[in-house]
Amino acid sequence: MQNLFKSCSLIIIAVGMILSSASCQIAPLTGAPVDPQGLKNGVYEGEYRKGFNKVVVKVTIAEGRITDVALVKHTASWIGRKTDKIIPQRILAQQSTKVDAISGATNSSRVIMNAVQKAIEKAYQ
């Protein structure tokens, strides 16, 4: 009976470690500076998810520029929420979806950048 308990405990621990390591992976960075050629004016929605972080954004394009980035929904830890204002401001200032991430909230930063990139890709179609 004790061996069965030890085996089950080891399996539970192993599964927990696998799940936690999979959720801690950092999102790849897909962004780039915005190319104003071919951008169509409008409001475009983008979504991206990696691990526990998920974001939905609305990006406004006017005259070949990003003029607004609004986070519609952002699921993140308390530290990940620090990115909510800073990353959109950086994207607007640099006209790029590849900006410096917030220290300690790299995954949340990248999830926002990637969601904005997906929205911008729709503006080229």
Protein backbone atom coordinates (compact mmCIF):
# COMPACT_ATOMS: atom_id res chain seq x y z
CA MET A 1 0.00 0.00 0.00
CA GLN A 2 2.82 2.36 0.86
CA ASN A 3 4.55 1.67 -2.47
CA LEU A 4 1.32 2.48 -4.31
CA PHE A 5 1.07 5.77 -2.43
CA LYS A 6 4.70 6.64 -3.31
CA SER A 7 4.14 5.77 -6.98
CA CYS A 8 0.98 7.87 -7.20
CA SER A 9 2.71 10.77 -5.44
CA LEU A 10 5.64 10.65 -7.89
CA ILE A 11 3.28 10.60 -10.86
CA ILE A 12 1.33 13.57 -9.53
CA ILE A 13 4.54 15.52 -8.89
CA ALA A 14 5.88 14.70 -12.37
CA VAL A 15 2.64 15.77 -14.07
CA GLY A 16 2.61 18.98 -12.05
CA MET A 17 6.19 19.79 -13.05
CA ILE A 18 5.45 19.15 -16.72
CA LEU A 19 2.35 21.35 -16.66
CA SER A 20 4.07 24.18 -14.81
CA SER A 21 7.10 24.18 -17.10
CA ALA A 22 4.89 24.23 -20.19
CA SER A 23 2.97 27.24 -18.91
CA CYS A 24 6.14 29.19 -18.10
CA GLN A 25 7.48 29.25 -21.62
CA ILE A 26 7.96 32.71 -23.07
CA ALA A 27 6.01 33.63 -26.19
CA PRO A 28 8.15 34.04 -29.32
CA LEU A 29 8.40 37.61 -30.56
CA THR A 30 6.77 37.95 -33.99
CA GLY A 31 6.67 41.74 -34.27
CA ALA A 32 8.45 44.26 -36.46
CA PRO A 33 8.34 47.97 -37.30
CA VAL A 34 5.16 48.99 -39.09
CA ASP A 35 5.46 49.42 -42.85
CA PRO A 36 3.04 52.21 -43.77
CA GLN A 37 2.83 51.00 -47.39
CA GLY A 38 -0.46 49.21 -47.91
CA LEU A 39 -1.92 49.80 -44.46
CA LYS A 40 -5.66 50.41 -44.65
CA ASN A 41 -7.36 52.76 -42.21
CA GLY A 42 -9.64 51.11 -39.69
CA VAL A 43 -9.91 49.32 -36.38
CA TYR A 44 -8.56 45.78 -36.33
CA GLU A 45 -8.76 43.11 -33.64
CA GLY A 46 -5.93 40.78 -32.72
CA GLU A 47 -5.62 37.98 -30.22
CA TYR A 48 -2.71 36.00 -28.83
CA ARG A 49 -2.24 33.44 -26.08
CA LYS A 50 0.79 31.81 -24.51
CA GLY A 51 0.58 29.85 -21.28
CA PHE A 52 -1.78 31.54 -18.84
CA ASN A 53 -1.51 34.88 -20.63
CA LYS A 54 -4.15 35.82 -23.18
CA VAL A 55 -4.92 39.19 -24.69
CA VAL A 56 -7.42 40.63 -27.13
CA VAL A 57 -6.59 44.05 -28.59
CA LYS A 58 -8.18 46.59 -30.90
CA VAL A 59 -5.71 48.55 -32.99
CA THR A 60 -6.63 51.72 -34.83
CA ILE A 61 -4.76 52.52 -38.05
CA ALA A 62 -4.98 55.97 -39.66
CA GLU A 63 -2.86 57.34 -42.50
CA GLY A 64 -0.29 54.53 -42.31
CA ARG A 65 0.24 54.80 -38.55
CA ILE A 66 -0.89 53.05 -35.41
CA THR A 67 -2.96 55.68 -33.62
CA ASP A 68 -4.42 53.61 -30.78
CA VAL A 69 -3.92 50.26 -29.05
CA ALA A 70 -6.73 49.23 -26.72
CA LEU A 71 -6.62 46.10 -24.61
CA VAL A 72 -10.10 44.57 -24.73
CA LYS A 73 -9.19 41.64 -22.49
CA HIS A 74 -5.94 40.67 -20.78
CA THR A 75 -5.59 37.58 -18.63
CA ALA A 76 -2.35 37.72 -16.68
CA SER A 77 -0.85 37.65 -13.20
CA TRP A 78 -0.62 40.83 -11.14
CA ILE A 79 2.88 41.51 -12.45
CA GLY A 80 1.75 40.85 -16.02
CA ARG A 81 -0.88 43.55 -15.63
CA LYS A 82 1.94 46.12 -15.36
CA THR A 83 2.22 45.83 -19.14
CA ASP A 84 -1.33 47.05 -19.83
CA LYS A 85 -0.40 50.71 -20.32
CA ILE A 86 3.34 50.63 -20.93
CA ILE A 87 3.55 48.22 -23.89
CA PRO A 88 0.78 49.95 -25.91
CA GLN A 89 2.49 53.31 -25.25
CA ARG A 90 5.80 51.92 -26.51
CA ILE A 91 4.14 50.45 -29.60
CA LEU A 92 2.56 53.83 -30.40
CA ALA A 93 5.78 55.78 -29.78
CA GLN A 94 7.99 53.47 -31.83
CA GLN A 95 5.41 52.45 -34.46
CA SER A 96 6.60 48.89 -33.99
CA THR A 97 5.29 45.70 -32.43
CA LYS A 98 8.83 44.81 -31.39
CA VAL A 99 9.54 46.97 -28.33
CA ASP A 100 11.33 46.45 -25.02
CA ALA A 101 9.47 44.11 -22.68
CA ILE A 102 8.71 44.89 -19.04
CA SER A 103 11.22 43.19 -16.73
CA GLY A 104 9.48 40.38 -14.85
CA ALA A 105 6.55 40.43 -17.27
CA THR A 106 8.24 39.35 -20.49
CA ASN A 107 5.57 36.87 -21.51
CA SER A 108 2.72 39.35 -20.95
CA SER A 109 4.68 41.97 -22.88
CA ARG A 110 5.21 39.65 -25.82
CA VAL A 111 1.63 38.42 -25.80
CA ILE A 112 0.45 42.03 -26.20
CA MET A 113 3.03 42.74 -28.94
CA ASN A 114 2.03 39.60 -30.83
CA ALA A 115 -1.70 40.36 -30.57
CA VAL A 116 -1.07 43.85 -31.96
CA GLN A 117 1.01 42.31 -34.76
CA LYS A 118 -1.88 39.98 -35.66
CA ALA A 119 -4.26 42.96 -35.78
CA ILE A 120 -1.88 44.94 -38.00
CA GLU A 121 -1.50 42.02 -40.39
CA LYS A 122 -5.25 42.28 -41.00
CA ALA A 123 -4.78 45.93 -42.00
CA TYR A 124 -2.58 44.87 -44.92
CA GLN A 125 -5.23 42.62 -46.43
